[in-house]
């Protein structure tokens, strides 16, 4: 929500409000009902300055990935509506008419992902350094580590497809959404379905 507020009031992207608030409301509702756990002291082995560095980088990059995915969804909706409107010889109305052009939405999503991928890369590197400090190894293919890497691959593939193959529009919007699904599976699904070194939060 902080990143949305920056986008809305610094760059005039208030049209993101519907998607951002919907995601925020659902996420907060699930967090305080299905996933709530009592606050407990951090496991002693995890006390490190890398805790703050790793988590802050993950939060910022995750926020950018979320906003990029919302923008990609809006791109797909607007692009489809625009095609139908052109076929019918009419224009867009209501909320869709207030959105930027499909080309602009595509560019915004790209810029957010281009901003987030280096941060996500740093998140993984910082997590590896923290793991060396806490557990005595940089990488152990823990489920959370593995899905962080898979998420990274998806978003790097997005950037690669744009930079080398010249992909634009719907194909990269779909990759952006797939990346967001992988991110959320890594954030929540891994904790529910697998056990590993990141299963200490009680979820």
N, C-alpha and C. Protein backbone atom coordinates (compact mmCIF):
# COMPACT_ATOMS: atom_id res chain seq x y z
N UNK A 1 0.83 -1.20 0.00
CA UNK A 1 0.00 0.00 0.00
C UNK A 1 0.87 1.26 0.00
N UNK A 2 2.02 1.22 0.65
CA UNK A 2 2.92 2.37 0.63
C UNK A 2 3.40 2.65 -0.79
N UNK A 3 3.74 1.59 -1.52
CA UNK A 3 4.18 1.78 -2.89
C UNK A 3 3.04 2.31 -3.75
N UNK A 4 1.83 1.81 -3.53
CA UNK A 4 0.68 2.34 -4.26
C UNK A 4 0.51 3.83 -4.00
N UNK A 5 0.64 4.26 -2.74
CA UNK A 5 0.48 5.67 -2.40
C UNK A 5 1.54 6.51 -3.09
N UNK A 6 2.76 5.99 -3.17
CA UNK A 6 3.81 6.70 -3.90
C UNK A 6 3.44 6.83 -5.37
N UNK A 7 2.99 5.71 -5.97
CA UNK A 7 2.60 5.73 -7.38
C UNK A 7 1.42 6.67 -7.61
N UNK A 8 0.47 6.67 -6.68
CA UNK A 8 -0.76 7.45 -6.85
C UNK A 8 -0.50 8.94 -6.73
N UNK A 9 0.27 9.34 -5.73
CA UNK A 9 0.42 10.77 -5.46
C UNK A 9 1.68 11.38 -6.04
N UNK A 10 2.65 10.54 -6.38
CA UNK A 10 3.86 11.08 -7.01
C UNK A 10 3.77 10.99 -8.53
N UNK A 11 3.13 9.94 -9.04
CA UNK A 11 3.09 9.73 -10.49
C UNK A 11 1.67 9.76 -11.05
N UNK A 12 0.70 10.16 -10.25
CA UNK A 12 -0.67 10.31 -10.75
C UNK A 12 -1.34 9.01 -11.14
N UNK A 13 -1.01 7.92 -10.47
CA UNK A 13 -1.55 6.60 -10.84
C UNK A 13 -2.65 6.17 -9.88
N UNK A 14 -3.60 7.06 -9.62
CA UNK A 14 -4.68 6.74 -8.69
C UNK A 14 -5.60 5.66 -9.23
N UNK A 15 -5.56 5.44 -10.51
CA UNK A 15 -6.38 4.39 -11.11
C UNK A 15 -5.97 3.00 -10.61
N UNK A 16 -4.82 2.89 -9.96
CA UNK A 16 -4.40 1.61 -9.36
C UNK A 16 -5.17 1.30 -8.09
N UNK A 17 -5.92 2.28 -7.57
CA UNK A 17 -6.55 2.14 -6.26
C UNK A 17 -7.47 0.94 -6.15
N UNK A 18 -8.27 0.67 -7.18
CA UNK A 18 -9.21 -0.45 -7.11
C UNK A 18 -8.48 -1.77 -6.90
N UNK A 19 -7.50 -2.05 -7.75
CA UNK A 19 -6.76 -3.31 -7.64
C UNK A 19 -5.92 -3.39 -6.39
N UNK A 20 -5.24 -2.29 -6.04
CA UNK A 20 -4.37 -2.30 -4.86
C UNK A 20 -5.18 -2.48 -3.58
N UNK A 21 -6.29 -1.77 -3.47
CA UNK A 21 -7.11 -1.90 -2.27
C UNK A 21 -7.79 -3.26 -2.18
N UNK A 22 -8.17 -3.82 -3.31
CA UNK A 22 -8.76 -5.16 -3.30
C UNK A 22 -7.74 -6.19 -2.81
N UNK A 23 -6.52 -6.12 -3.35
CA UNK A 23 -5.47 -7.05 -2.93
C UNK A 23 -5.13 -6.85 -1.45
N UNK A 24 -5.04 -5.59 -1.03
CA UNK A 24 -4.72 -5.28 0.36
C UNK A 24 -5.80 -5.80 1.31
N UNK A 25 -7.07 -5.58 0.95
CA UNK A 25 -8.17 -5.99 1.82
C UNK A 25 -8.23 -7.50 1.96
N UNK A 26 -8.12 -8.21 0.83
CA UNK A 26 -8.14 -9.67 0.87
C UNK A 26 -6.94 -10.20 1.65
N UNK A 27 -5.75 -9.64 1.38
CA UNK A 27 -4.55 -10.09 2.07
C UNK A 27 -4.61 -9.86 3.56
N UNK A 28 -5.07 -8.68 3.95
CA UNK A 28 -5.17 -8.37 5.38
C UNK A 28 -6.22 -9.24 6.05
N UNK A 29 -7.35 -9.47 5.37
CA UNK A 29 -8.40 -10.31 5.93
C UNK A 29 -7.93 -11.73 6.16
N UNK A 30 -7.22 -12.30 5.18
CA UNK A 30 -6.69 -13.66 5.33
C UNK A 30 -5.62 -13.71 6.42
N UNK A 31 -4.80 -12.64 6.48
CA UNK A 31 -3.71 -12.61 7.46
C UNK A 31 -4.22 -12.66 8.90
N UNK A 32 -5.32 -11.94 9.17
CA UNK A 32 -5.81 -11.86 10.56
C UNK A 32 -6.81 -12.97 10.90
N UNK A 33 -7.20 -13.77 9.91
CA UNK A 33 -8.13 -14.86 10.19
C UNK A 33 -7.46 -16.22 10.04
N UNK A 34 -7.05 -16.55 8.83
CA UNK A 34 -6.51 -17.89 8.58
C UNK A 34 -5.06 -18.05 9.00
N UNK A 35 -4.27 -16.97 8.93
CA UNK A 35 -2.83 -17.11 9.13
C UNK A 35 -2.31 -16.40 10.38
N UNK A 36 -3.20 -15.99 11.25
CA UNK A 36 -2.73 -15.25 12.42
C UNK A 36 -2.00 -16.18 13.38
N UNK A 37 -0.84 -15.75 13.86
CA UNK A 37 -0.10 -16.46 14.91
C UNK A 37 0.36 -15.42 15.92
N UNK A 38 0.48 -15.86 17.17
CA UNK A 38 0.95 -14.95 18.21
C UNK A 38 2.40 -14.56 17.96
N UNK A 39 2.71 -13.33 18.33
CA UNK A 39 4.08 -12.85 18.19
C UNK A 39 4.98 -13.62 19.15
N UNK A 40 6.12 -14.06 18.66
CA UNK A 40 7.08 -14.81 19.47
C UNK A 40 8.48 -14.30 19.17
N UNK A 41 9.40 -14.50 20.10
CA UNK A 41 10.78 -14.05 19.85
C UNK A 41 11.37 -14.75 18.63
N UNK A 42 12.24 -14.04 17.93
CA UNK A 42 12.92 -14.61 16.78
C UNK A 42 13.84 -15.73 17.24
N UNK A 43 13.91 -16.80 16.44
CA UNK A 43 14.82 -17.90 16.75
C UNK A 43 16.23 -17.34 16.93
N UNK A 44 16.92 -17.70 18.01
CA UNK A 44 18.23 -17.10 18.29
C UNK A 44 19.21 -17.15 17.12
N UNK A 45 19.20 -18.24 16.38
CA UNK A 45 20.14 -18.38 15.26
C UNK A 45 19.91 -17.34 14.17
N UNK A 46 18.72 -16.74 14.16
CA UNK A 46 18.37 -15.80 13.09
C UNK A 46 18.65 -14.35 13.45
N UNK A 47 19.13 -14.09 14.65
CA UNK A 47 19.45 -12.72 15.04
C UNK A 47 20.65 -12.23 14.24
N UNK A 48 20.41 -11.29 13.36
CA UNK A 48 21.47 -10.77 12.50
C UNK A 48 20.98 -9.50 11.83
N UNK A 49 21.91 -8.62 11.47
CA UNK A 49 21.54 -7.43 10.72
C UNK A 49 20.98 -7.80 9.36
N UNK A 50 21.35 -9.00 8.88
CA UNK A 50 20.85 -9.45 7.58
C UNK A 50 19.36 -9.74 7.61
N UNK A 51 18.80 -9.92 8.80
CA UNK A 51 17.35 -10.08 8.93
C UNK A 51 16.64 -8.84 8.37
N UNK A 52 17.07 -7.67 8.83
CA UNK A 52 16.45 -6.42 8.38
C UNK A 52 16.70 -6.20 6.89
N UNK A 53 17.93 -6.41 6.46
CA UNK A 53 18.29 -6.17 5.06
C UNK A 53 17.48 -7.08 4.14
N UNK A 54 17.43 -8.36 4.48
CA UNK A 54 16.72 -9.35 3.66
C UNK A 54 15.23 -9.05 3.59
N UNK A 55 14.61 -8.77 4.74
CA UNK A 55 13.16 -8.56 4.79
C UNK A 55 12.76 -7.26 4.10
N UNK A 56 13.51 -6.19 4.31
CA UNK A 56 13.18 -4.91 3.68
C UNK A 56 13.27 -5.03 2.16
N UNK A 57 14.32 -5.66 1.66
CA UNK A 57 14.47 -5.84 0.21
C UNK A 57 13.34 -6.70 -0.35
N UNK A 58 12.96 -7.74 0.39
CA UNK A 58 11.87 -8.61 -0.06
C UNK A 58 10.54 -7.86 -0.10
N UNK A 59 10.30 -7.02 0.90
CA UNK A 59 9.05 -6.27 0.96
C UNK A 59 8.94 -5.27 -0.20
N UNK A 60 10.02 -4.55 -0.47
CA UNK A 60 9.98 -3.55 -1.54
C UNK A 60 9.82 -4.22 -2.89
N UNK A 61 10.61 -5.26 -3.16
CA UNK A 61 10.50 -5.94 -4.45
C UNK A 61 9.16 -6.63 -4.59
N UNK A 62 8.66 -7.23 -3.50
CA UNK A 62 7.35 -7.87 -3.54
C UNK A 62 6.24 -6.88 -3.82
N UNK A 63 6.34 -5.69 -3.22
CA UNK A 63 5.34 -4.65 -3.49
C UNK A 63 5.33 -4.26 -4.96
N UNK A 64 6.53 -4.10 -5.53
CA UNK A 64 6.62 -3.74 -6.95
C UNK A 64 6.07 -4.85 -7.84
N UNK A 65 6.34 -6.11 -7.50
CA UNK A 65 5.79 -7.22 -8.26
C UNK A 65 4.26 -7.23 -8.20
N UNK A 66 3.71 -6.94 -7.02
CA UNK A 66 2.26 -6.90 -6.87
C UNK A 66 1.63 -5.80 -7.71
N UNK A 67 2.19 -4.60 -7.65
CA UNK A 67 1.66 -3.49 -8.43
C UNK A 67 1.81 -3.77 -9.92
N UNK A 68 2.91 -4.38 -10.31
CA UNK A 68 3.12 -4.74 -11.72
C UNK A 68 2.07 -5.75 -12.18
N UNK A 69 1.75 -6.72 -11.32
CA UNK A 69 0.75 -7.72 -11.69
C UNK A 69 -0.64 -7.09 -11.81
N UNK A 70 -0.97 -6.18 -10.90
CA UNK A 70 -2.25 -5.47 -11.00
C UNK A 70 -2.31 -4.71 -12.32
N UNK A 71 -1.22 -4.05 -12.67
CA UNK A 71 -1.16 -3.30 -13.92
C UNK A 71 -1.29 -4.23 -15.11
N UNK A 72 -0.69 -5.42 -15.04
CA UNK A 72 -0.80 -6.39 -16.13
C UNK A 72 -2.24 -6.89 -16.29
N UNK A 73 -2.92 -7.13 -15.17
CA UNK A 73 -4.32 -7.54 -15.24
C UNK A 73 -5.16 -6.43 -15.87
N UNK A 74 -4.93 -5.20 -15.45
CA UNK A 74 -5.66 -4.07 -16.03
C UNK A 74 -5.35 -3.92 -17.51
N UNK A 75 -4.10 -4.20 -17.89
CA UNK A 75 -3.76 -4.18 -19.31
C UNK A 75 -4.60 -5.17 -20.10
N UNK A 76 -4.68 -6.41 -19.60
CA UNK A 76 -5.43 -7.45 -20.31
C UNK A 76 -6.91 -7.08 -20.41
N UNK A 77 -7.47 -6.56 -19.31
CA UNK A 77 -8.89 -6.18 -19.31
C UNK A 77 -9.12 -5.02 -20.27
N UNK A 78 -8.28 -4.00 -20.20
CA UNK A 78 -8.46 -2.83 -21.06
C UNK A 78 -8.23 -3.18 -22.53
N UNK A 79 -7.21 -3.97 -22.80
CA UNK A 79 -6.92 -4.35 -24.18
C UNK A 79 -8.08 -5.12 -24.80
N UNK A 80 -8.63 -6.07 -24.04
CA UNK A 80 -9.78 -6.84 -24.55
C UNK A 80 -11.00 -5.95 -24.76
N UNK A 81 -11.24 -5.06 -23.79
CA UNK A 81 -12.38 -4.15 -23.92
C UNK A 81 -12.20 -3.19 -25.09
N UNK A 82 -10.97 -2.73 -25.31
CA UNK A 82 -10.70 -1.83 -26.42
C UNK A 82 -10.95 -2.51 -27.75
N UNK A 83 -10.53 -3.77 -27.86
CA UNK A 83 -10.75 -4.52 -29.10
C UNK A 83 -12.24 -4.69 -29.38
N UNK A 84 -13.00 -5.02 -28.32
CA UNK A 84 -14.44 -5.18 -28.50
C UNK A 84 -15.10 -3.85 -28.87
N UNK A 85 -14.65 -2.78 -28.22
CA UNK A 85 -15.23 -1.47 -28.50
C UNK A 85 -14.94 -1.03 -29.93
N UNK A 86 -13.73 -1.28 -30.40
CA UNK A 86 -13.38 -0.92 -31.77
C UNK A 86 -14.18 -1.73 -32.78
N UNK A 87 -14.39 -3.02 -32.45
CA UNK A 87 -15.18 -3.86 -33.35
C UNK A 87 -16.63 -3.39 -33.42
N UNK A 88 -17.12 -2.87 -32.29
CA UNK A 88 -18.51 -2.40 -32.24
C UNK A 88 -18.64 -0.94 -32.66
N UNK A 89 -17.51 -0.29 -32.89
CA UNK A 89 -17.54 1.11 -33.27
C UNK A 89 -17.90 2.05 -32.14
N UNK A 90 -17.60 1.66 -30.90
CA UNK A 90 -17.89 2.49 -29.73
C UNK A 90 -16.60 2.77 -28.96
N UNK A 91 -16.72 3.52 -27.90
CA UNK A 91 -15.57 3.82 -27.06
C UNK A 91 -15.71 3.21 -25.68
N UNK A 92 -14.66 3.28 -24.93
CA UNK A 92 -14.68 2.75 -23.57
C UNK A 92 -15.43 3.71 -22.65
N UNK A 93 -16.06 3.15 -21.64
CA UNK A 93 -16.80 3.96 -20.67
C UNK A 93 -16.46 3.51 -19.26
N UNK A 94 -16.87 4.30 -18.28
CA UNK A 94 -16.71 3.94 -16.89
C UNK A 94 -15.26 3.89 -16.46
N UNK A 95 -14.95 2.93 -15.58
CA UNK A 95 -13.61 2.81 -15.01
C UNK A 95 -12.55 2.60 -16.09
N UNK A 96 -12.85 1.77 -17.09
CA UNK A 96 -11.87 1.46 -18.12
C UNK A 96 -11.47 2.69 -18.91
N UNK A 97 -12.39 3.63 -19.05
CA UNK A 97 -12.07 4.85 -19.79
C UNK A 97 -11.09 5.73 -19.03
N UNK A 98 -10.98 5.54 -17.72
CA UNK A 98 -10.08 6.33 -16.90
C UNK A 98 -8.67 5.76 -16.87
N UNK A 99 -8.51 4.54 -17.36
CA UNK A 99 -7.20 3.91 -17.36
C UNK A 99 -6.31 4.50 -18.45
N UNK A 100 -4.99 4.43 -18.27
CA UNK A 100 -4.09 4.81 -19.36
C UNK A 100 -4.28 3.86 -20.55
N UNK A 101 -3.66 4.18 -21.65
CA UNK A 101 -3.75 3.30 -22.82
C UNK A 101 -3.11 1.95 -22.50
N UNK A 102 -3.46 0.95 -23.28
CA UNK A 102 -2.89 -0.38 -23.07
C UNK A 102 -1.37 -0.33 -23.20
N UNK A 103 -0.87 0.45 -24.13
CA UNK A 103 0.58 0.57 -24.32
C UNK A 103 1.24 1.15 -23.07
N UNK A 104 0.59 2.15 -22.48
CA UNK A 104 1.11 2.78 -21.28
C UNK A 104 1.09 1.81 -20.09
N UNK A 105 0.03 1.04 -19.96
CA UNK A 105 -0.06 0.05 -18.89
C UNK A 105 1.04 -0.99 -19.03
N UNK A 106 1.29 -1.42 -20.25
CA UNK A 106 2.35 -2.39 -20.52
C UNK A 106 3.70 -1.82 -20.11
N UNK A 107 3.94 -0.56 -20.41
CA UNK A 107 5.21 0.09 -20.07
C UNK A 107 5.37 0.24 -18.56
N UNK A 108 4.29 0.60 -17.87
CA UNK A 108 4.36 0.76 -16.41
C UNK A 108 4.69 -0.56 -15.74
N UNK A 109 4.04 -1.63 -16.19
CA UNK A 109 4.32 -2.95 -15.63
C UNK A 109 5.78 -3.33 -15.85
N UNK A 110 6.28 -3.05 -17.03
CA UNK A 110 7.69 -3.35 -17.34
C UNK A 110 8.63 -2.58 -16.43
N UNK A 111 8.38 -1.30 -16.23
CA UNK A 111 9.26 -0.48 -15.40
C UNK A 111 9.25 -0.94 -13.94
N UNK A 112 8.10 -1.35 -13.45
CA UNK A 112 8.02 -1.85 -12.08
C UNK A 112 8.81 -3.15 -11.93
N UNK A 113 8.69 -4.04 -12.91
CA UNK A 113 9.42 -5.30 -12.84
C UNK A 113 10.92 -5.07 -13.01
N UNK A 114 11.28 -4.15 -13.92
CA UNK A 114 12.70 -3.83 -14.10
C UNK A 114 13.30 -3.24 -12.82
N UNK A 115 12.49 -2.53 -12.05
CA UNK A 115 12.93 -2.01 -10.76
C UNK A 115 13.03 -3.12 -9.72
N UNK A 116 12.08 -4.06 -9.74
CA UNK A 116 11.98 -5.07 -8.69
C UNK A 116 12.97 -6.22 -8.85
N UNK A 117 13.29 -6.61 -10.07
CA UNK A 117 14.14 -7.79 -10.26
C UNK A 117 15.52 -7.64 -9.63
N UNK A 118 16.21 -6.52 -9.81
CA UNK A 118 17.50 -6.39 -9.11
C UNK A 118 17.35 -6.46 -7.58
N UNK A 119 16.26 -5.89 -7.06
CA UNK A 119 16.01 -5.95 -5.62
C UNK A 119 15.72 -7.38 -5.17
N UNK A 120 14.96 -8.12 -5.97
CA UNK A 120 14.67 -9.52 -5.64
C UNK A 120 15.95 -10.34 -5.71
N UNK A 121 16.82 -10.03 -6.67
CA UNK A 121 18.12 -10.70 -6.75
C UNK A 121 18.92 -10.44 -5.48
N UNK A 122 18.91 -9.17 -5.04
CA UNK A 122 19.60 -8.82 -3.80
C UNK A 122 18.97 -9.51 -2.60
N UNK A 123 17.63 -9.66 -2.62
CA UNK A 123 16.93 -10.37 -1.54
C UNK A 123 17.45 -11.79 -1.40
N UNK A 124 17.60 -12.47 -2.53
CA UNK A 124 18.09 -13.85 -2.52
C UNK A 124 19.54 -13.91 -2.03
N UNK A 125 20.36 -12.98 -2.53
CA UNK A 125 21.76 -12.93 -2.10
C UNK A 125 21.87 -12.64 -0.61
N UNK A 126 21.09 -11.65 -0.14
CA UNK A 126 21.11 -11.31 1.29
C UNK A 126 20.62 -12.48 2.13
N UNK A 127 19.58 -13.18 1.63
CA UNK A 127 19.10 -14.36 2.34
C UNK A 127 20.15 -15.46 2.42
N UNK A 128 20.93 -15.60 1.35
CA UNK A 128 22.00 -16.60 1.34
C UNK A 128 23.08 -16.26 2.36
N UNK A 129 23.43 -14.98 2.44
CA UNK A 129 24.43 -14.55 3.42
C UNK A 129 23.90 -14.77 4.84
N UNK A 130 22.63 -14.44 5.03
CA UNK A 130 21.99 -14.65 6.34
C UNK A 130 21.97 -16.15 6.68
N UNK A 131 21.69 -16.99 5.67
CA UNK A 131 21.67 -18.44 5.89
C UNK A 131 23.04 -18.96 6.29
N UNK A 132 24.08 -18.42 5.68
CA UNK A 132 25.44 -18.81 6.06
C UNK A 132 25.71 -18.45 7.51
N UNK A 133 25.23 -17.28 7.92
CA UNK A 133 25.42 -16.83 9.30
C UNK A 133 24.62 -17.69 10.27
N UNK A 134 23.37 -18.04 9.89
CA UNK A 134 22.47 -18.73 10.82
C UNK A 134 22.64 -20.24 10.80
N UNK A 135 22.81 -20.81 9.60
CA UNK A 135 22.78 -22.27 9.45
C UNK A 135 24.08 -22.86 8.93
N UNK A 136 25.05 -22.01 8.60
CA UNK A 136 26.35 -22.51 8.17
C UNK A 136 26.41 -22.94 6.73
N UNK A 137 25.47 -22.50 5.90
CA UNK A 137 25.54 -22.78 4.47
C UNK A 137 24.79 -21.70 3.71
N UNK A 138 25.25 -21.41 2.49
CA UNK A 138 24.64 -20.36 1.70
C UNK A 138 23.36 -20.81 1.02
N UNK A 139 23.30 -22.08 0.62
CA UNK A 139 22.15 -22.57 -0.15
C UNK A 139 21.96 -24.05 0.12
N UNK A 140 20.70 -24.46 0.33
CA UNK A 140 20.46 -25.87 0.64
C UNK A 140 19.21 -26.39 -0.06
N UNK A 141 18.71 -25.66 -1.06
CA UNK A 141 17.51 -26.05 -1.79
C UNK A 141 16.33 -26.31 -0.86
N UNK A 142 16.26 -25.51 0.19
CA UNK A 142 15.07 -25.46 1.03
C UNK A 142 13.88 -25.03 0.15
N UNK A 143 12.65 -25.53 0.42
CA UNK A 143 11.51 -25.16 -0.44
C UNK A 143 11.34 -23.67 -0.66
N UNK A 144 11.54 -22.86 0.38
CA UNK A 144 11.41 -21.41 0.24
C UNK A 144 12.51 -20.86 -0.66
N UNK A 145 13.71 -21.35 -0.50
CA UNK A 145 14.81 -20.92 -1.35
C UNK A 145 14.56 -21.31 -2.80
N UNK A 146 14.08 -22.53 -2.99
CA UNK A 146 13.83 -23.02 -4.35
C UNK A 146 12.77 -22.18 -5.05
N UNK A 147 11.68 -21.88 -4.36
CA UNK A 147 10.61 -21.10 -5.00
C UNK A 147 11.00 -19.64 -5.16
N UNK A 148 11.87 -19.13 -4.31
CA UNK A 148 12.41 -17.79 -4.53
C UNK A 148 13.20 -17.76 -5.84
N UNK A 149 13.95 -18.82 -6.06
CA UNK A 149 14.74 -18.94 -7.30
C UNK A 149 13.83 -19.10 -8.51
N UNK A 150 12.79 -19.91 -8.39
CA UNK A 150 11.83 -20.09 -9.49
C UNK A 150 11.16 -18.75 -9.83
N UNK A 151 10.76 -18.02 -8.80
CA UNK A 151 10.16 -16.70 -9.01
C UNK A 151 11.13 -15.78 -9.74
N UNK A 152 12.38 -15.80 -9.33
CA UNK A 152 13.41 -15.00 -9.98
C UNK A 152 13.55 -15.37 -11.45
N UNK A 153 13.55 -16.67 -11.75
CA UNK A 153 13.68 -17.13 -13.13
C UNK A 153 12.53 -16.60 -13.99
N UNK A 154 11.31 -16.65 -13.45
CA UNK A 154 10.14 -16.19 -14.21
C UNK A 154 10.26 -14.71 -14.56
N UNK A 155 10.64 -13.90 -13.59
CA UNK A 155 10.75 -12.46 -13.85
C UNK A 155 11.95 -12.13 -14.73
N UNK A 156 13.04 -12.86 -14.59
CA UNK A 156 14.17 -12.66 -15.50
C UNK A 156 13.77 -13.05 -16.92
N UNK A 157 12.97 -14.12 -17.05
CA UNK A 157 12.46 -14.51 -18.37
C UNK A 157 11.60 -13.40 -18.96
N UNK A 158 10.81 -12.73 -18.11
CA UNK A 158 10.00 -11.59 -18.56
C UNK A 158 10.90 -10.51 -19.17
N UNK A 159 11.95 -10.12 -18.42
CA UNK A 159 12.85 -9.08 -18.91
C UNK A 159 13.59 -9.53 -20.16
N UNK A 160 13.99 -10.79 -20.19
CA UNK A 160 14.70 -11.33 -21.34
C UNK A 160 13.80 -11.32 -22.58
N UNK A 161 12.54 -11.70 -22.40
CA UNK A 161 11.61 -11.73 -23.52
C UNK A 161 11.39 -10.34 -24.10
N UNK A 162 11.35 -9.34 -23.26
CA UNK A 162 11.18 -7.96 -23.74
C UNK A 162 12.44 -7.44 -24.41
N UNK A 163 13.60 -7.73 -23.79
CA UNK A 163 14.84 -7.13 -24.26
C UNK A 163 15.39 -7.79 -25.52
N UNK A 164 15.24 -9.09 -25.64
CA UNK A 164 15.85 -9.79 -26.78
C UNK A 164 14.85 -10.22 -27.84
N UNK A 165 13.69 -10.70 -27.42
CA UNK A 165 12.69 -11.16 -28.38
C UNK A 165 11.70 -10.06 -28.76
N UNK A 166 11.75 -8.95 -28.03
CA UNK A 166 10.86 -7.84 -28.35
C UNK A 166 9.41 -8.09 -28.00
N UNK A 167 9.15 -8.99 -27.04
CA UNK A 167 7.76 -9.27 -26.65
C UNK A 167 7.15 -8.04 -26.00
N UNK A 168 5.90 -7.81 -26.32
CA UNK A 168 5.13 -6.72 -25.74
C UNK A 168 3.71 -7.19 -25.52
N UNK A 169 2.97 -6.47 -24.71
CA UNK A 169 1.53 -6.70 -24.60
C UNK A 169 1.15 -7.96 -23.87
N UNK A 170 0.25 -8.72 -24.46
CA UNK A 170 -0.38 -9.85 -23.79
C UNK A 170 0.60 -10.94 -23.35
N UNK A 171 1.56 -11.35 -24.19
CA UNK A 171 2.47 -12.43 -23.73
C UNK A 171 3.23 -12.08 -22.46
N UNK A 172 3.79 -10.86 -22.40
CA UNK A 172 4.56 -10.51 -21.20
C UNK A 172 3.64 -10.20 -20.02
N UNK A 173 2.43 -9.73 -20.29
CA UNK A 173 1.47 -9.51 -19.20
C UNK A 173 1.14 -10.83 -18.53
N UNK A 174 1.01 -11.88 -19.32
CA UNK A 174 0.72 -13.21 -18.77
C UNK A 174 1.91 -13.71 -17.95
N UNK A 175 3.13 -13.47 -18.43
CA UNK A 175 4.32 -13.87 -17.66
C UNK A 175 4.37 -13.11 -16.34
N UNK A 176 4.02 -11.83 -16.38
CA UNK A 176 3.99 -11.03 -15.15
C UNK A 176 3.02 -11.62 -14.13
N UNK A 177 1.86 -12.04 -14.58
CA UNK A 177 0.86 -12.62 -13.68
C UNK A 177 1.34 -13.98 -13.16
N UNK A 178 1.95 -14.78 -14.03
CA UNK A 178 2.51 -16.07 -13.60
C UNK A 178 3.59 -15.84 -12.52
N UNK A 179 4.41 -14.82 -12.73
CA UNK A 179 5.42 -14.49 -11.73
C UNK A 179 4.81 -14.13 -10.40
N UNK A 180 3.68 -13.40 -10.45
CA UNK A 180 3.01 -13.03 -9.21
C UNK A 180 2.43 -14.24 -8.50
N UNK A 181 1.89 -15.18 -9.27
CA UNK A 181 1.38 -16.43 -8.69
C UNK A 181 2.52 -17.18 -8.00
N UNK A 182 3.67 -17.24 -8.66
CA UNK A 182 4.84 -17.92 -8.07
C UNK A 182 5.28 -17.20 -6.80
N UNK A 183 5.25 -15.87 -6.81
CA UNK A 183 5.64 -15.09 -5.64
C UNK A 183 4.72 -15.42 -4.46
N UNK A 184 3.41 -15.43 -4.69
CA UNK A 184 2.47 -15.68 -3.60
C UNK A 184 2.53 -17.14 -3.14
N UNK A 185 2.79 -18.06 -4.08
CA UNK A 185 2.96 -19.45 -3.66
C UNK A 185 4.19 -19.57 -2.77
N UNK A 186 5.24 -18.85 -3.14
CA UNK A 186 6.45 -18.86 -2.33
C UNK A 186 6.19 -18.25 -0.95
N UNK A 187 5.38 -17.20 -0.91
CA UNK A 187 5.12 -16.48 0.33
C UNK A 187 4.19 -17.25 1.27
N UNK A 188 3.18 -17.93 0.69
CA UNK A 188 2.17 -18.60 1.51
C UNK A 188 2.14 -20.11 1.28
N UNK A 189 2.04 -20.51 0.02
CA UNK A 189 1.84 -21.93 -0.31
C UNK A 189 2.94 -22.83 0.20
N UNK A 190 4.19 -22.37 0.08
CA UNK A 190 5.32 -23.20 0.53
C UNK A 190 5.19 -23.51 2.02
N UNK A 191 4.77 -22.50 2.81
CA UNK A 191 4.63 -22.72 4.25
C UNK A 191 3.51 -23.70 4.59
N UNK A 192 2.48 -23.74 3.74
CA UNK A 192 1.34 -24.63 4.01
C UNK A 192 1.59 -26.05 3.54
N UNK A 193 2.36 -26.21 2.48
CA UNK A 193 2.50 -27.52 1.84
C UNK A 193 3.81 -28.23 2.14
N UNK A 194 4.84 -27.47 2.52
CA UNK A 194 6.15 -28.07 2.72
C UNK A 194 6.69 -27.69 4.10
N UNK A 195 7.62 -28.48 4.56
CA UNK A 195 8.34 -28.16 5.79
C UNK A 195 9.79 -27.93 5.43
N UNK A 196 10.39 -26.99 6.12
CA UNK A 196 11.79 -26.70 5.83
C UNK A 196 12.33 -25.73 6.86
N UNK A 197 13.47 -25.15 6.56
CA UNK A 197 14.13 -24.25 7.49
C UNK A 197 13.37 -22.94 7.67
N UNK A 198 12.43 -22.65 6.75
CA UNK A 198 11.65 -21.42 6.86
C UNK A 198 10.28 -21.67 7.49
N UNK A 199 10.10 -22.81 8.13
CA UNK A 199 8.81 -23.16 8.71
C UNK A 199 8.70 -22.80 10.18
N UNK A 200 9.50 -21.82 10.61
CA UNK A 200 9.54 -21.47 12.02
C UNK A 200 8.48 -20.45 12.43
N UNK A 201 7.67 -19.93 11.47
CA UNK A 201 6.73 -18.86 11.80
C UNK A 201 5.43 -19.37 12.39
N UNK A 202 5.24 -20.68 12.44
CA UNK A 202 4.01 -21.23 13.00
C UNK A 202 2.87 -21.35 12.00
N UNK A 203 3.16 -21.13 10.71
CA UNK A 203 2.13 -21.28 9.65
C UNK A 203 2.36 -22.59 8.93
